[in-house]
N, C-alpha and C. Protein backbone atom coordinates (compact mmCIF):
# COMPACT_ATOMS: atom_id res chain seq x y z
N MET A 1 41.98 -56.94 -53.06
CA MET A 1 41.03 -56.98 -52.14
C MET A 1 39.66 -57.27 -53.41
N GLU A 2 39.71 -56.98 -54.51
CA GLU A 2 38.34 -57.10 -55.01
C GLU A 2 38.02 -58.43 -55.29
N ARG A 3 38.93 -59.85 -54.80
CA ARG A 3 38.51 -60.92 -54.59
C ARG A 3 37.24 -61.20 -53.39
N LEU A 4 37.34 -60.22 -52.80
CA LEU A 4 37.10 -60.21 -51.26
C LEU A 4 35.35 -59.74 -51.50
N ALA A 5 35.19 -59.50 -52.47
CA ALA A 5 33.94 -58.83 -52.80
C ALA A 5 32.63 -59.58 -52.50
N LEU A 6 32.98 -61.24 -52.63
CA LEU A 6 32.21 -62.06 -52.27
C LEU A 6 31.40 -62.08 -50.77
N LEU A 7 32.34 -61.40 -50.07
CA LEU A 7 32.36 -61.88 -48.57
C LEU A 7 31.66 -60.38 -48.25
N GLY A 8 31.57 -59.40 -49.04
CA GLY A 8 30.78 -58.16 -48.39
C GLY A 8 31.84 -57.10 -48.54
N VAL A 9 33.11 -57.13 -48.67
CA VAL A 9 33.90 -56.06 -48.52
C VAL A 9 34.27 -55.27 -49.81
N ASN A 10 33.90 -53.93 -49.60
CA ASN A 10 34.04 -52.60 -50.23
C ASN A 10 35.20 -51.96 -49.88
N PRO A 11 36.36 -52.07 -50.80
CA PRO A 11 37.31 -51.76 -50.42
C PRO A 11 37.69 -50.06 -50.63
N ASP A 12 38.38 -49.52 -50.12
CA ASP A 12 38.65 -48.04 -50.17
C ASP A 12 40.05 -47.84 -50.60
N LEU A 13 40.06 -47.64 -52.01
CA LEU A 13 41.42 -47.81 -52.72
C LEU A 13 42.17 -46.67 -52.32
N ALA A 14 41.72 -45.39 -51.96
CA ALA A 14 42.16 -44.24 -51.48
C ALA A 14 42.60 -44.11 -50.23
N ALA A 15 41.78 -44.94 -49.36
CA ALA A 15 42.37 -45.01 -47.99
C ALA A 15 43.67 -45.88 -47.88
N HIS A 16 43.63 -46.95 -48.95
CA HIS A 16 44.93 -48.32 -48.84
C HIS A 16 46.13 -47.02 -49.31
N GLU A 17 46.02 -46.46 -50.44
CA GLU A 17 46.86 -45.74 -50.97
C GLU A 17 47.62 -44.87 -50.21
N ALA A 18 46.60 -44.14 -49.10
CA ALA A 18 47.39 -43.31 -48.37
C ALA A 18 47.93 -43.98 -47.09
N GLY A 19 48.01 -44.92 -46.98
CA GLY A 19 48.58 -45.94 -45.82
C GLY A 19 47.52 -46.03 -44.76
N ALA A 20 46.40 -45.64 -45.15
CA ALA A 20 45.47 -45.87 -43.62
C ALA A 20 45.34 -47.25 -43.08
N THR A 21 44.95 -47.14 -41.81
CA THR A 21 44.70 -48.56 -41.21
C THR A 21 43.57 -49.30 -41.73
N LEU A 22 42.29 -48.64 -41.84
CA LEU A 22 41.08 -49.08 -42.18
C LEU A 22 41.01 -48.94 -43.68
N VAL A 23 40.72 -49.98 -44.24
CA VAL A 23 41.16 -49.95 -46.00
C VAL A 23 39.91 -50.21 -46.32
N SER A 24 38.53 -50.07 -45.81
CA SER A 24 37.14 -50.64 -46.59
C SER A 24 36.50 -49.51 -46.09
N THR A 25 35.46 -49.59 -46.92
CA THR A 25 34.34 -48.32 -46.75
C THR A 25 33.03 -48.58 -45.80
N ALA A 26 32.47 -47.52 -45.67
CA ALA A 26 31.54 -47.54 -44.50
C ALA A 26 30.10 -48.51 -44.99
N ALA A 27 30.43 -48.73 -46.40
CA ALA A 27 29.12 -49.55 -46.87
C ALA A 27 29.78 -51.29 -46.95
N SER A 28 30.98 -51.24 -46.71
CA SER A 28 31.02 -52.68 -46.72
C SER A 28 30.57 -53.38 -45.54
N ARG A 29 30.32 -54.85 -45.80
CA ARG A 29 29.66 -55.63 -44.62
C ARG A 29 30.75 -55.85 -43.40
N VAL A 30 32.19 -56.05 -43.93
CA VAL A 30 32.89 -56.49 -42.85
C VAL A 30 34.18 -55.56 -43.04
N ALA A 31 34.84 -54.92 -41.99
CA ALA A 31 35.52 -54.09 -42.01
C ALA A 31 37.06 -54.84 -42.20
N VAL A 32 37.79 -54.16 -42.94
CA VAL A 32 39.24 -54.75 -43.34
C VAL A 32 40.35 -53.63 -42.79
N TYR A 33 41.27 -54.31 -41.95
CA TYR A 33 42.51 -53.24 -41.64
C TYR A 33 43.78 -53.79 -42.25
N LEU A 34 44.67 -52.97 -42.26
CA LEU A 34 46.01 -53.47 -42.48
C LEU A 34 46.68 -53.36 -41.31
N LEU A 35 47.32 -54.53 -40.77
CA LEU A 35 48.18 -54.21 -39.82
C LEU A 35 49.66 -54.50 -40.03
N PRO A 36 50.43 -53.95 -39.54
CA PRO A 36 51.69 -53.99 -39.91
C PRO A 36 52.58 -55.24 -39.33
N THR A 37 53.03 -56.20 -40.15
CA THR A 37 53.76 -57.30 -39.34
C THR A 37 55.37 -57.50 -39.66
N ASP A 38 55.87 -58.20 -39.23
CA ASP A 38 57.43 -58.60 -39.42
C ASP A 38 57.35 -60.00 -39.31
N GLU A 39 56.99 -60.68 -40.43
CA GLU A 39 56.56 -62.30 -40.18
C GLU A 39 58.54 -63.15 -40.07
N GLU A 40 59.14 -62.27 -40.88
CA GLU A 40 60.91 -62.98 -40.95
C GLU A 40 61.33 -62.65 -39.64
N LEU A 41 61.09 -61.40 -38.55
CA LEU A 41 61.49 -61.44 -37.26
C LEU A 41 60.99 -62.57 -36.50
N MET A 42 59.71 -62.86 -36.62
CA MET A 42 59.03 -64.11 -35.74
C MET A 42 59.53 -65.34 -36.28
N MET A 43 60.07 -65.57 -37.44
CA MET A 43 60.37 -66.91 -37.77
C MET A 43 61.88 -66.87 -37.20
N ALA A 44 62.43 -65.75 -37.19
CA ALA A 44 63.87 -66.19 -36.59
C ALA A 44 64.09 -65.89 -35.32
N ARG A 45 62.56 -65.62 -34.70
CA ARG A 45 62.76 -65.95 -32.88
C ARG A 45 62.69 -67.20 -32.70
N HIS A 46 61.40 -67.69 -33.68
CA HIS A 46 60.92 -69.16 -33.26
C HIS A 46 62.26 -70.09 -33.61
N THR A 47 62.95 -69.92 -34.66
CA THR A 47 64.08 -70.68 -35.03
C THR A 47 65.01 -70.61 -33.95
N LEU A 48 65.51 -69.64 -33.36
CA LEU A 48 66.37 -69.16 -32.22
C LEU A 48 65.70 -70.24 -31.23
N ALA A 49 64.58 -70.07 -30.84
CA ALA A 49 63.95 -70.80 -29.37
C ALA A 49 64.29 -72.38 -29.89
N LEU A 50 63.98 -72.74 -31.02
CA LEU A 50 64.12 -74.12 -31.59
C LEU A 50 65.34 -74.53 -31.25
N VAL A 51 66.50 -73.77 -31.49
CA VAL A 51 67.94 -74.07 -31.63
C VAL A 51 68.37 -73.97 -30.02
N TRP A 52 68.11 -73.01 -29.52
CA TRP A 52 68.59 -73.06 -28.27
C TRP A 52 67.86 -73.61 -27.18
N GLY A 53 66.65 -74.17 -27.75
CA GLY A 53 65.89 -75.20 -26.65
C GLY A 53 65.12 -74.17 -25.36
N ALA A 54 64.97 -73.14 -25.89
CA ALA A 54 63.85 -71.98 -24.76
C ALA A 54 62.62 -72.41 -25.46
């Protein structure tokens, strides 16, 4: 997240380490949230849809 400093992001490393959803400080120009995703599952579902024609 250090590379996002140009965009006004101030990371809250303690929140990130604690597994919080909001990982930017109140002084940050933009809010940064971590959202859990499962890209592999979505790719598998899209592949199945292509194979089965759904």
